């Protein structure tokens, strides 16, 4: 297993120990184009749940302001928080899958 493959895989798996920081460091410090590409993709996959979560929380807030009905806003919030949880969990598992796939593969 070569170092480039390990860095590429760890860029995705770093969601467990240093999300965002590790992919940025690998992306900026690596000289291998393939490793930089994996680090950039991992960075996007690490940041995406944050943007999704913030966006849906803003939607819940706007919904609350416009509807002015606590019960309806509560129901919308429950549904959207469920959607957030499912999307964030899927992206978390996908990061782990991509990292393990790279580490186990014979080439990347």
PDB file of N, CA and C in Angstrom:
ATOM      1  N   UNK A   1       0.855  -1.172   0.000  1.00  0.00           N
ATOM      2  CA  UNK A   1       0.000   0.000   0.000  1.00  0.00           C
ATOM      3  C   UNK A   1       0.900   1.233   0.000  1.00  0.00           C
ATOM      4  N   UNK A   2       0.728   2.079  -0.992  1.00  0.00           N
ATOM      5  CA  UNK A   2       1.583   3.261  -1.066  1.00  0.00           C
ATOM      6  C   UNK A   2       0.989   4.431  -0.285  1.00  0.00           C
ATOM      7  N   UNK A   3       1.814   5.424  -0.043  1.00  0.00           N
ATOM      8  CA  UNK A   3       1.417   6.575   0.766  1.00  0.00           C
ATOM      9  C   UNK A   3       0.316   7.399   0.144  1.00  0.00           C
ATOM     10  N   UNK A   4       0.319   7.492  -1.188  1.00  0.00           N
ATOM     11  CA  UNK A   4      -0.720   8.269  -1.862  1.00  0.00           C
ATOM     12  C   UNK A   4      -2.096   7.651  -1.642  1.00  0.00           C
ATOM     13  N   UNK A   5      -2.149   6.323  -1.703  1.00  0.00           N
ATOM     14  CA  UNK A   5      -3.407   5.618  -1.490  1.00  0.00           C
ATOM     15  C   UNK A   5      -3.897   5.818  -0.050  1.00  0.00           C
ATOM     16  N   UNK A   6      -2.987   5.776   0.900  1.00  0.00           N
ATOM     17  CA  UNK A   6      -3.341   5.969   2.303  1.00  0.00           C
ATOM     18  C   UNK A   6      -3.865   7.390   2.528  1.00  0.00           C
ATOM     19  N   UNK A   7      -3.188   8.385   1.961  1.00  0.00           N
ATOM     20  CA  UNK A   7      -3.650   9.768   2.114  1.00  0.00           C
ATOM     21  C   UNK A   7      -5.020   9.976   1.478  1.00  0.00           C
ATOM     22  N   UNK A   8      -5.229   9.362   0.314  1.00  0.00           N
ATOM     23  CA  UNK A   8      -6.533   9.488  -0.352  1.00  0.00           C
ATOM     24  C   UNK A   8      -7.629   8.868   0.494  1.00  0.00           C
ATOM     25  N   UNK A   9      -7.399   7.673   1.004  1.00  0.00           N
ATOM     26  CA  UNK A   9      -8.402   7.004   1.821  1.00  0.00           C
ATOM     27  C   UNK A   9      -8.653   7.727   3.132  1.00  0.00           C
ATOM     28  N   UNK A  10      -7.579   8.187   3.761  1.00  0.00           N
ATOM     29  CA  UNK A  10      -7.720   8.887   5.035  1.00  0.00           C
ATOM     30  C   UNK A  10      -8.418  10.239   4.885  1.00  0.00           C
ATOM     31  N   UNK A  11      -8.347  10.816   3.703  1.00  0.00           N
ATOM     32  CA  UNK A  11      -9.060  12.077   3.473  1.00  0.00           C
ATOM     33  C   UNK A  11     -10.558  11.891   3.680  1.00  0.00           C
ATOM     34  N   UNK A  12     -11.082  10.757   3.238  1.00  0.00           N
ATOM     35  CA  UNK A  12     -12.502  10.479   3.432  1.00  0.00           C
ATOM     36  C   UNK A  12     -12.787  10.007   4.868  1.00  0.00           C
ATOM     37  N   UNK A  13     -11.941   9.106   5.371  1.00  0.00           N
ATOM     38  CA  UNK A  13     -12.161   8.527   6.698  1.00  0.00           C
ATOM     39  C   UNK A  13     -11.930   9.560   7.796  1.00  0.00           C
ATOM     40  N   UNK A  14     -11.277  10.648   7.481  1.00  0.00           N
ATOM     41  CA  UNK A  14     -11.011  11.679   8.494  1.00  0.00           C
ATOM     42  C   UNK A  14     -12.284  12.308   9.031  1.00  0.00           C
ATOM     43  N   UNK A  15     -13.426  11.960   8.470  1.00  0.00           N
ATOM     44  CA  UNK A  15     -14.691  12.441   9.036  1.00  0.00           C
ATOM     45  C   UNK A  15     -14.843  11.952  10.472  1.00  0.00           C
ATOM     46  N   UNK A  16     -14.104  10.908  10.828  1.00  0.00           N
ATOM     47  CA  UNK A  16     -14.145  10.371  12.193  1.00  0.00           C
ATOM     48  C   UNK A  16     -13.263  11.145  13.164  1.00  0.00           C
ATOM     49  N   UNK A  17     -12.152  11.702  12.667  1.00  0.00           N
ATOM     50  CA  UNK A  17     -11.187  12.294  13.595  1.00  0.00           C
ATOM     51  C   UNK A  17     -10.804  13.733  13.292  1.00  0.00           C
ATOM     52  N   UNK A  18     -10.845  14.187  12.092  1.00  0.00           N
ATOM     53  CA  UNK A  18     -10.487  15.576  11.774  1.00  0.00           C
ATOM     54  C   UNK A  18     -11.197  16.035  10.499  1.00  0.00           C
ATOM     55  N   UNK A  19     -12.537  16.077  10.559  1.00  0.00           N
ATOM     56  CA  UNK A  19     -13.238  16.487   9.344  1.00  0.00           C
ATOM     57  C   UNK A  19     -12.849  17.908   8.950  1.00  0.00           C
ATOM     58  N   UNK A  20     -12.786  18.132   7.696  1.00  0.00           N
ATOM     59  CA  UNK A  20     -12.457  19.405   7.064  1.00  0.00           C
ATOM     60  C   UNK A  20     -10.959  19.719   7.175  1.00  0.00           C
ATOM     61  N   UNK A  21     -10.362  19.628   8.345  1.00  0.00           N
ATOM     62  CA  UNK A  21      -8.947  19.983   8.509  1.00  0.00           C
ATOM     63  C   UNK A  21      -8.010  19.051   7.759  1.00  0.00           C
ATOM     64  N   UNK A  22      -8.199  17.754   7.901  1.00  0.00           N
ATOM     65  CA  UNK A  22      -7.303  16.796   7.256  1.00  0.00           C
ATOM     66  C   UNK A  22      -7.383  16.885   5.731  1.00  0.00           C
ATOM     67  N   UNK A  23      -8.599  16.887   5.128  1.00  0.00           N
ATOM     68  CA  UNK A  23      -8.643  17.019   3.666  1.00  0.00           C
ATOM     69  C   UNK A  23      -8.016  18.322   3.149  1.00  0.00           C
ATOM     70  N   UNK A  24      -8.187  19.420   3.905  1.00  0.00           N
ATOM     71  CA  UNK A  24      -7.577  20.688   3.480  1.00  0.00           C
ATOM     72  C   UNK A  24      -6.059  20.564   3.498  1.00  0.00           C
ATOM     73  N   UNK A  25      -5.520  19.974   4.570  1.00  0.00           N
ATOM     74  CA  UNK A  25      -4.073  19.822   4.684  1.00  0.00           C
ATOM     75  C   UNK A  25      -3.530  18.935   3.564  1.00  0.00           C
ATOM     76  N   UNK A  26      -4.201  17.828   3.291  1.00  0.00           N
ATOM     77  CA  UNK A  26      -3.748  16.927   2.221  1.00  0.00           C
ATOM     78  C   UNK A  26      -3.859  17.621   0.869  1.00  0.00           C
ATOM     79  N   UNK A  27      -4.940  18.324   0.649  1.00  0.00           N
ATOM     80  CA  UNK A  27      -5.162  19.014  -0.629  1.00  0.00           C
ATOM     81  C   UNK A  27      -4.073  20.055  -0.878  1.00  0.00           C
ATOM     82  N   UNK A  28      -3.717  20.809   0.150  1.00  0.00           N
ATOM     83  CA  UNK A  28      -2.732  21.878  -0.019  1.00  0.00           C
ATOM     84  C   UNK A  28      -1.292  21.374  -0.028  1.00  0.00           C
ATOM     85  N   UNK A  29      -1.016  20.303   0.702  1.00  0.00           N
ATOM     86  CA  UNK A  29       0.377  19.858   0.858  1.00  0.00           C
ATOM     87  C   UNK A  29       0.796  18.743  -0.091  1.00  0.00           C
ATOM     88  N   UNK A  30      -0.155  18.064  -0.701  1.00  0.00           N
ATOM     89  CA  UNK A  30       0.193  16.949  -1.581  1.00  0.00           C
ATOM     90  C   UNK A  30       0.603  17.459  -2.961  1.00  0.00           C
ATOM     91  N   UNK A  31       1.527  16.744  -3.559  1.00  0.00           N
ATOM     92  CA  UNK A  31       1.957  17.099  -4.917  1.00  0.00           C
ATOM     93  C   UNK A  31       1.340  16.176  -5.962  1.00  0.00           C
ATOM     94  N   UNK A  32       0.694  15.111  -5.525  1.00  0.00           N
ATOM     95  CA  UNK A  32       0.064  14.148  -6.431  1.00  0.00           C
ATOM     96  C   UNK A  32      -1.336  14.646  -6.801  1.00  0.00           C
ATOM     97  N   UNK A  33      -1.621  14.709  -8.094  1.00  0.00           N
ATOM     98  CA  UNK A  33      -2.903  15.235  -8.576  1.00  0.00           C
ATOM     99  C   UNK A  33      -4.066  14.339  -8.143  1.00  0.00           C
ATOM    100  N   UNK A  34      -3.880  13.025  -8.166  1.00  0.00           N
ATOM    101  CA  UNK A  34      -4.949  12.106  -7.767  1.00  0.00           C
ATOM    102  C   UNK A  34      -5.278  12.274  -6.286  1.00  0.00           C
ATOM    103  N   UNK A  35      -4.267  12.434  -5.452  1.00  0.00           N
ATOM    104  CA  UNK A  35      -4.483  12.628  -4.015  1.00  0.00           C
ATOM    105  C   UNK A  35      -5.179  13.961  -3.776  1.00  0.00           C
ATOM    106  N   UNK A  36      -4.764  14.994  -4.494  1.00  0.00           N
ATOM    107  CA  UNK A  36      -5.421  16.298  -4.361  1.00  0.00           C
ATOM    108  C   UNK A  36      -6.895  16.212  -4.760  1.00  0.00           C
ATOM    109  N   UNK A  37      -7.182  15.457  -5.802  1.00  0.00           N
ATOM    110  CA  UNK A  37      -8.565  15.297  -6.259  1.00  0.00           C
ATOM    111  C   UNK A  37      -9.409  14.597  -5.195  1.00  0.00           C
ATOM    112  N   UNK A  38      -8.873  13.520  -4.619  1.00  0.00           N
ATOM    113  CA  UNK A  38      -9.602  12.817  -3.562  1.00  0.00           C
ATOM    114  C   UNK A  38      -9.784  13.711  -2.337  1.00  0.00           C
ATOM    115  N   UNK A  39      -8.758  14.470  -1.989  1.00  0.00           N
ATOM    116  CA  UNK A  39      -8.848  15.357  -0.819  1.00  0.00           C
ATOM    117  C   UNK A  39      -9.900  16.441  -1.053  1.00  0.00           C
ATOM    118  N   UNK A  40      -9.950  16.976  -2.268  1.00  0.00           N
ATOM    119  CA  UNK A  40     -10.949  17.998  -2.591  1.00  0.00           C
ATOM    120  C   UNK A  40     -12.358  17.421  -2.531  1.00  0.00           C
ATOM    121  N   UNK A  41     -12.543  16.216  -3.078  1.00  0.00           N
ATOM    122  CA  UNK A  41     -13.853  15.568  -3.020  1.00  0.00           C
ATOM    123  C   UNK A  41     -14.248  15.262  -1.575  1.00  0.00           C
ATOM    124  N   UNK A  42     -13.287  14.802  -0.774  1.00  0.00           N
ATOM    125  CA  UNK A  42     -13.567  14.516   0.636  1.00  0.00           C
ATOM    126  C   UNK A  42     -13.948  15.797   1.369  1.00  0.00           C
ATOM    127  N   UNK A  43     -13.267  16.876   1.071  1.00  0.00           N
ATOM    128  CA  UNK A  43     -13.581  18.157   1.700  1.00  0.00           C
ATOM    129  C   UNK A  43     -15.014  18.580   1.381  1.00  0.00           C
ATOM    130  N   UNK A  44     -15.399  18.443   0.142  1.00  0.00           N
ATOM    131  CA  UNK A  44     -16.768  18.785  -0.266  1.00  0.00           C
ATOM    132  C   UNK A  44     -17.766  17.893   0.466  1.00  0.00           C
ATOM    133  N   UNK A  45     -17.463  16.591   0.555  1.00  0.00           N
ATOM    134  CA  UNK A  45     -18.370  15.671   1.241  1.00  0.00           C
ATOM    135  C   UNK A  45     -18.422  15.926   2.744  1.00  0.00           C
ATOM    136  N   UNK A  46     -17.380  16.516   3.314  1.00  0.00           N
ATOM    137  CA  UNK A  46     -17.385  16.849   4.740  1.00  0.00           C
ATOM    138  C   UNK A  46     -18.144  18.146   5.003  1.00  0.00           C
ATOM    139  N   UNK A  47     -18.088  19.084   4.079  1.00  0.00           N
ATOM    140  CA  UNK A  47     -18.741  20.384   4.256  1.00  0.00           C
ATOM    141  C   UNK A  47     -20.227  20.323   3.887  1.00  0.00           C
ATOM    142  N   UNK A  48     -20.581  19.471   2.955  1.00  0.00           N
ATOM    143  CA  UNK A  48     -21.954  19.389   2.454  1.00  0.00           C
ATOM    144  C   UNK A  48     -23.005  19.200   3.551  1.00  0.00           C
ATOM    145  N   UNK A  49     -22.815  18.304   4.527  1.00  0.00           N
ATOM    146  CA  UNK A  49     -23.840  18.173   5.579  1.00  0.00           C
ATOM    147  C   UNK A  49     -24.070  19.464   6.367  1.00  0.00           C
ATOM    148  N   UNK A  50     -23.025  20.235   6.563  1.00  0.00           N
ATOM    149  CA  UNK A  50     -23.167  21.501   7.289  1.00  0.00           C
ATOM    150  C   UNK A  50     -24.060  22.461   6.508  1.00  0.00           C
ATOM    151  N   UNK A  51     -23.812  22.589   5.205  1.00  0.00           N
ATOM    152  CA  UNK A  51     -24.631  23.479   4.391  1.00  0.00           C
ATOM    153  C   UNK A  51     -26.077  22.999   4.309  1.00  0.00           C
ATOM    154  N   UNK A  52     -26.272  21.687   4.186  1.00  0.00           N
ATOM    155  CA  UNK A  52     -27.628  21.141   4.145  1.00  0.00           C
ATOM    156  C   UNK A  52     -28.350  21.453   5.449  1.00  0.00           C
ATOM    157  N   UNK A  53     -27.679  21.217   6.562  1.00  0.00           N
ATOM    158  CA  UNK A  53     -28.289  21.445   7.876  1.00  0.00           C
ATOM    159  C   UNK A  53     -28.630  22.915   8.079  1.00  0.00           C
ATOM    160  N   UNK A  54     -27.707  23.803   7.783  1.00  0.00           N
ATOM    161  CA  UNK A  54     -27.963  25.236   7.937  1.00  0.00           C
ATOM    162  C   UNK A  54     -29.108  25.680   7.025  1.00  0.00           C
ATOM    163  N   UNK A  55     -29.106  25.204   5.786  1.00  0.00           N
ATOM    164  CA  UNK A  55     -30.167  25.568   4.847  1.00  0.00           C
ATOM    165  C   UNK A  55     -31.541  25.130   5.316  1.00  0.00           C
ATOM    166  N   UNK A  56     -31.644  23.909   5.808  1.00  0.00           N
ATOM    167  CA  UNK A  56     -32.946  23.436   6.251  1.00  0.00           C
ATOM    168  C   UNK A  56     -33.381  24.093   7.559  1.00  0.00           C
ATOM    169  N   UNK A  57     -32.450  24.466   8.410  1.00  0.00           N
ATOM    170  CA  UNK A  57     -32.805  25.213   9.624  1.00  0.00           C
ATOM    171  C   UNK A  57     -33.329  26.604   9.254  1.00  0.00           C
ATOM    172  N   UNK A  58     -32.734  27.221   8.251  1.00  0.00           N
ATOM    173  CA  UNK A  58     -33.228  28.521   7.771  1.00  0.00           C
ATOM    174  C   UNK A  58     -34.642  28.357   7.207  1.00  0.00           C
ATOM    175  N   UNK A  59     -34.874  27.275   6.479  1.00  0.00           N
ATOM    176  CA  UNK A  59     -36.216  27.019   5.936  1.00  0.00           C
ATOM    177  C   UNK A  59     -37.221  26.858   7.070  1.00  0.00           C
ATOM    178  N   UNK A  60     -36.842  26.142   8.127  1.00  0.00           N
ATOM    179  CA  UNK A  60     -37.733  25.985   9.280  1.00  0.00           C
ATOM    180  C   UNK A  60     -38.027  27.349   9.910  1.00  0.00           C
ATOM    181  N   UNK A  61     -37.020  28.184  10.051  1.00  0.00           N
ATOM    182  CA  UNK A  61     -37.209  29.515  10.622  1.00  0.00           C
ATOM    183  C   UNK A  61     -38.109  30.386   9.782  1.00  0.00           C
ATOM    184  N   UNK A  62     -37.884  30.392   8.478  1.00  0.00           N
ATOM    185  CA  UNK A  62     -38.733  31.187   7.584  1.00  0.00           C
ATOM    186  C   UNK A  62     -40.163  30.668   7.622  1.00  0.00           C
ATOM    187  N   UNK A  63     -40.302  29.345   7.649  1.00  0.00           N
ATOM    188  CA  UNK A  63     -41.632  28.749   7.739  1.00  0.00           C
ATOM    189  C   UNK A  63     -42.338  29.202   9.014  1.00  0.00           C
ATOM    190  N   UNK A  64     -41.611  29.233  10.110  1.00  0.00           N
ATOM    191  CA  UNK A  64     -42.191  29.679  11.372  1.00  0.00           C
ATOM    192  C   UNK A  64     -42.617  31.135  11.337  1.00  0.00           C
ATOM    193  N   UNK A  65     -41.820  31.964  10.703  1.00  0.00           N
ATOM    194  CA  UNK A  65     -42.161  33.388  10.604  1.00  0.00           C
ATOM    195  C   UNK A  65     -43.361  33.628   9.698  1.00  0.00           C
ATOM    196  N   UNK A  66     -43.438  32.909   8.597  1.00  0.00           N
ATOM    197  CA  UNK A  66     -44.508  33.133   7.631  1.00  0.00           C
ATOM    198  C   UNK A  66     -45.834  32.519   8.069  1.00  0.00           C
ATOM    199  N   UNK A  67     -45.783  31.324   8.649  1.00  0.00           N
ATOM    200  CA  UNK A  67     -47.027  30.636   9.007  1.00  0.00           C
ATOM    201  C   UNK A  67     -47.616  31.135  10.320  1.00  0.00           C
ATOM    202  N   UNK A  68     -46.776  31.503  11.255  1.00  0.00           N
ATOM    203  CA  UNK A  68     -47.206  31.955  12.582  1.00  0.00           C
ATOM    204  C   UNK A  68     -48.188  30.971  13.219  1.00  0.00           C
ATOM    205  N   UNK A  69     -47.928  29.695  13.006  1.00  0.00           N
ATOM    206  CA  UNK A  69     -48.723  28.620  13.593  1.00  0.00           C
ATOM    207  C   UNK A  69     -47.741  27.618  14.186  1.00  0.00           C
ATOM    208  N   UNK A  70     -47.695  27.566  15.510  1.00  0.00           N
ATOM    209  CA  UNK A  70     -46.690  26.745  16.189  1.00  0.00           C
ATOM    210  C   UNK A  70     -46.834  25.270  15.848  1.00  0.00           C
ATOM    211  N   UNK A  71     -48.052  24.779  15.751  1.00  0.00           N
ATOM    212  CA  UNK A  71     -48.255  23.366  15.483  1.00  0.00           C
ATOM    213  C   UNK A  71     -47.795  22.994  14.071  1.00  0.00           C
ATOM    214  N   UNK A  72     -48.140  23.795  13.086  1.00  0.00           N
ATOM    215  CA  UNK A  72     -47.720  23.526  11.705  1.00  0.00           C
ATOM    216  C   UNK A  72     -46.205  23.647  11.574  1.00  0.00           C
ATOM    217  N   UNK A  73     -45.629  24.663  12.203  1.00  0.00           N
ATOM    218  CA  UNK A  73     -44.182  24.839  12.163  1.00  0.00           C
ATOM    219  C   UNK A  73     -43.485  23.665  12.839  1.00  0.00           C
ATOM    220  N   UNK A  74     -44.053  23.190  13.935  1.00  0.00           N
ATOM    221  CA  UNK A  74     -43.488  22.032  14.628  1.00  0.00           C
ATOM    222  C   UNK A  74     -43.499  20.795  13.757  1.00  0.00           C
ATOM    223  N   UNK A  75     -44.580  20.566  13.047  1.00  0.00           N
ATOM    224  CA  UNK A  75     -44.666  19.395  12.161  1.00  0.00           C
ATOM    225  C   UNK A  75     -43.655  19.513  11.016  1.00  0.00           C
ATOM    226  N   UNK A  76     -43.560  20.696  10.413  1.00  0.00           N
ATOM    227  CA  UNK A  76     -42.579  20.905   9.350  1.00  0.00           C
ATOM    228  C   UNK A  76     -41.169  20.702   9.895  1.00  0.00           C
ATOM    229  N   UNK A  77     -40.917  21.210  11.094  1.00  0.00           N
ATOM    230  CA  UNK A  77     -39.590  21.068  11.707  1.00  0.00           C
ATOM    231  C   UNK A  77     -39.256  19.605  11.948  1.00  0.00           C
ATOM    232  N   UNK A  78     -40.210  18.828  12.434  1.00  0.00           N
ATOM    233  CA  UNK A  78     -39.962  17.405  12.685  1.00  0.00           C
ATOM    234  C   UNK A  78     -39.629  16.689  11.386  1.00  0.00           C
ATOM    235  N   UNK A  79     -40.381  16.962  10.334  1.00  0.00           N
ATOM    236  CA  UNK A  79     -40.131  16.313   9.040  1.00  0.00           C
ATOM    237  C   UNK A  79     -38.757  16.722   8.497  1.00  0.00           C
ATOM    238  N   UNK A  80     -38.462  18.021   8.517  1.00  0.00           N
ATOM    239  CA  UNK A  80     -37.185  18.482   7.964  1.00  0.00           C
ATOM    240  C   UNK A  80     -35.989  18.032   8.806  1.00  0.00           C
ATOM    241  N   UNK A  81     -36.135  17.948  10.113  1.00  0.00           N
ATOM    242  CA  UNK A  81     -35.046  17.440  10.944  1.00  0.00           C
ATOM    243  C   UNK A  81     -34.813  15.960  10.640  1.00  0.00           C
ATOM    244  N   UNK A  82     -35.890  15.229  10.371  1.00  0.00           N
ATOM    245  CA  UNK A  82     -35.740  13.834   9.940  1.00  0.00           C
ATOM    246  C   UNK A  82     -34.986  13.727   8.626  1.00  0.00           C
ATOM    247  N   UNK A  83     -35.323  14.609   7.690  1.00  0.00           N
ATOM    248  CA  UNK A  83     -34.625  14.633   6.398  1.00  0.00           C
ATOM    249  C   UNK A  83     -33.150  14.978   6.602  1.00  0.00           C
ATOM    250  N   UNK A  84     -32.875  15.966   7.454  1.00  0.00           N
ATOM    251  CA  UNK A  84     -31.489  16.348   7.759  1.00  0.00           C
ATOM    252  C   UNK A  84     -30.732  15.163   8.328  1.00  0.00           C
ATOM    253  N   UNK A  85     -31.342  14.484   9.278  1.00  0.00           N
ATOM    254  CA  UNK A  85     -30.674  13.350   9.927  1.00  0.00           C
ATOM    255  C   UNK A  85     -30.364  12.248   8.925  1.00  0.00           C
ATOM    256  N   UNK A  86     -31.302  11.941   8.057  1.00  0.00           N
ATOM    257  CA  UNK A  86     -31.085  10.883   7.060  1.00  0.00           C
ATOM    258  C   UNK A  86     -29.990  11.283   6.080  1.00  0.00           C
ATOM    259  N   UNK A  87     -30.032  12.512   5.564  1.00  0.00           N
ATOM    260  CA  UNK A  87     -29.010  12.968   4.614  1.00  0.00           C
ATOM    261  C   UNK A  87     -27.625  13.015   5.248  1.00  0.00           C
ATOM    262  N   UNK A  88     -27.537  13.542   6.459  1.00  0.00           N
ATOM    263  CA  UNK A  88     -26.243  13.620   7.133  1.00  0.00           C
ATOM    264  C   UNK A  88     -25.690  12.225   7.427  1.00  0.00           C
ATOM    265  N   UNK A  89     -26.544  11.320   7.859  1.00  0.00           N
ATOM    266  CA  UNK A  89     -26.109   9.948   8.128  1.00  0.00           C
ATOM    267  C   UNK A  89     -25.627   9.278   6.846  1.00  0.00           C
ATOM    268  N   UNK A  90     -26.370   9.450   5.741  1.00  0.00           N
ATOM    269  CA  UNK A  90     -25.975   8.879   4.455  1.00  0.00           C
ATOM    270  C   UNK A  90     -24.606   9.407   4.023  1.00  0.00           C
ATOM    271  N   UNK A  91     -24.386  10.703   4.134  1.00  0.00           N
ATOM    272  CA  UNK A  91     -23.105  11.284   3.735  1.00  0.00           C
ATOM    273  C   UNK A  91     -21.968  10.817   4.645  1.00  0.00           C
ATOM    274  N   UNK A  92     -22.237  10.622   5.915  1.00  0.00           N
ATOM    275  CA  UNK A  92     -21.245  10.100   6.863  1.00  0.00           C
ATOM    276  C   UNK A  92     -20.823   8.685   6.456  1.00  0.00           C
ATOM    277  N   UNK A  93     -21.805   7.833   6.191  1.00  0.00           N
ATOM    278  CA  UNK A  93     -21.526   6.450   5.782  1.00  0.00           C
ATOM    279  C   UNK A  93     -20.840   6.440   4.417  1.00  0.00           C
ATOM    280  N   UNK A  94     -21.249   7.316   3.509  1.00  0.00           N
ATOM    281  CA  UNK A  94     -20.635   7.366   2.174  1.00  0.00           C
ATOM    282  C   UNK A  94     -19.160   7.751   2.269  1.00  0.00           C
ATOM    283  N   UNK A  95     -18.807   8.671   3.155  1.00  0.00           N
ATOM    284  CA  UNK A  95     -17.402   9.026   3.365  1.00  0.00           C
ATOM    285  C   UNK A  95     -16.604   7.808   3.819  1.00  0.00           C
ATOM    286  N   UNK A  96     -17.137   7.076   4.770  1.00  0.00           N
ATOM    287  CA  UNK A  96     -16.449   5.880   5.249  1.00  0.00           C
ATOM    288  C   UNK A  96     -16.310   4.849   4.135  1.00  0.00           C
ATOM    289  N   UNK A  97     -17.365   4.661   3.359  1.00  0.00           N
ATOM    290  CA  UNK A  97     -17.340   3.717   2.236  1.00  0.00           C
ATOM    291  C   UNK A  97     -16.257   4.089   1.225  1.00  0.00           C
ATOM    292  N   UNK A  98     -16.235   5.371   0.838  1.00  0.00           N
ATOM    293  CA  UNK A  98     -15.234   5.809  -0.153  1.00  0.00           C
ATOM    294  C   UNK A  98     -13.813   5.601   0.367  1.00  0.00           C
ATOM    295  N   UNK A  99     -13.566   5.941   1.634  1.00  0.00           N
ATOM    296  CA  UNK A  99     -12.239   5.787   2.201  1.00  0.00           C
ATOM    297  C   UNK A  99     -11.802   4.341   2.259  1.00  0.00           C
ATOM    298  N   UNK A 100     -12.682   3.464   2.704  1.00  0.00           N
ATOM    299  CA  UNK A 100     -12.357   2.037   2.790  1.00  0.00           C
ATOM    300  C   UNK A 100     -12.175   1.460   1.395  1.00  0.00           C
ATOM    301  N   UNK A 101     -12.999   1.873   0.452  1.00  0.00           N
ATOM    302  CA  UNK A 101     -12.889   1.386  -0.927  1.00  0.00           C
ATOM    303  C   UNK A 101     -11.518   1.732  -1.507  1.00  0.00           C
ATOM    304  N   UNK A 102     -11.047   2.932  -1.255  1.00  0.00           N
ATOM    305  CA  UNK A 102      -9.726   3.347  -1.764  1.00  0.00           C
ATOM    306  C   UNK A 102      -8.628   2.552  -1.078  1.00  0.00           C
ATOM    307  N   UNK A 103      -8.725   2.375   0.227  1.00  0.00           N
ATOM    308  CA  UNK A 103      -7.692   1.655   0.955  1.00  0.00           C
ATOM    309  C   UNK A 103      -7.626   0.180   0.575  1.00  0.00           C
ATOM    310  N   UNK A 104      -8.758  -0.424   0.235  1.00  0.00           N
ATOM    311  CA  UNK A 104      -8.797  -1.843  -0.084  1.00  0.00           C
ATOM    312  C   UNK A 104      -8.472  -2.098  -1.556  1.00  0.00           C
ATOM    313  N   UNK A 105      -8.731  -1.135  -2.421  1.00  0.00           N
ATOM    314  CA  UNK A 105      -8.540  -1.344  -3.851  1.00  0.00           C
ATOM    315  C   UNK A 105      -7.059  -1.523  -4.186  1.00  0.00           C
ATOM    316  N   UNK A 106      -6.838  -2.181  -5.330  1.00  0.00           N
ATOM    317  CA  UNK A 106      -5.447  -2.415  -5.752  1.00  0.00           C
ATOM    318  C   UNK A 106      -4.834  -1.168  -6.386  1.00  0.00           C
ATOM    319  N   UNK A 107      -5.680  -0.293  -6.919  1.00  0.00           N
ATOM    320  CA  UNK A 107      -5.206   0.991  -7.461  1.00  0.00           C
ATOM    321  C   UNK A 107      -6.315   2.009  -7.312  1.00  0.00           C
ATOM    322  N   UNK A 108      -5.960   3.268  -7.395  1.00  0.00           N
ATOM    323  CA  UNK A 108      -6.974   4.321  -7.299  1.00  0.00           C
ATOM    324  C   UNK A 108      -6.769   5.247  -8.468  1.00  0.00           C
TER     325      UNK A 108
END
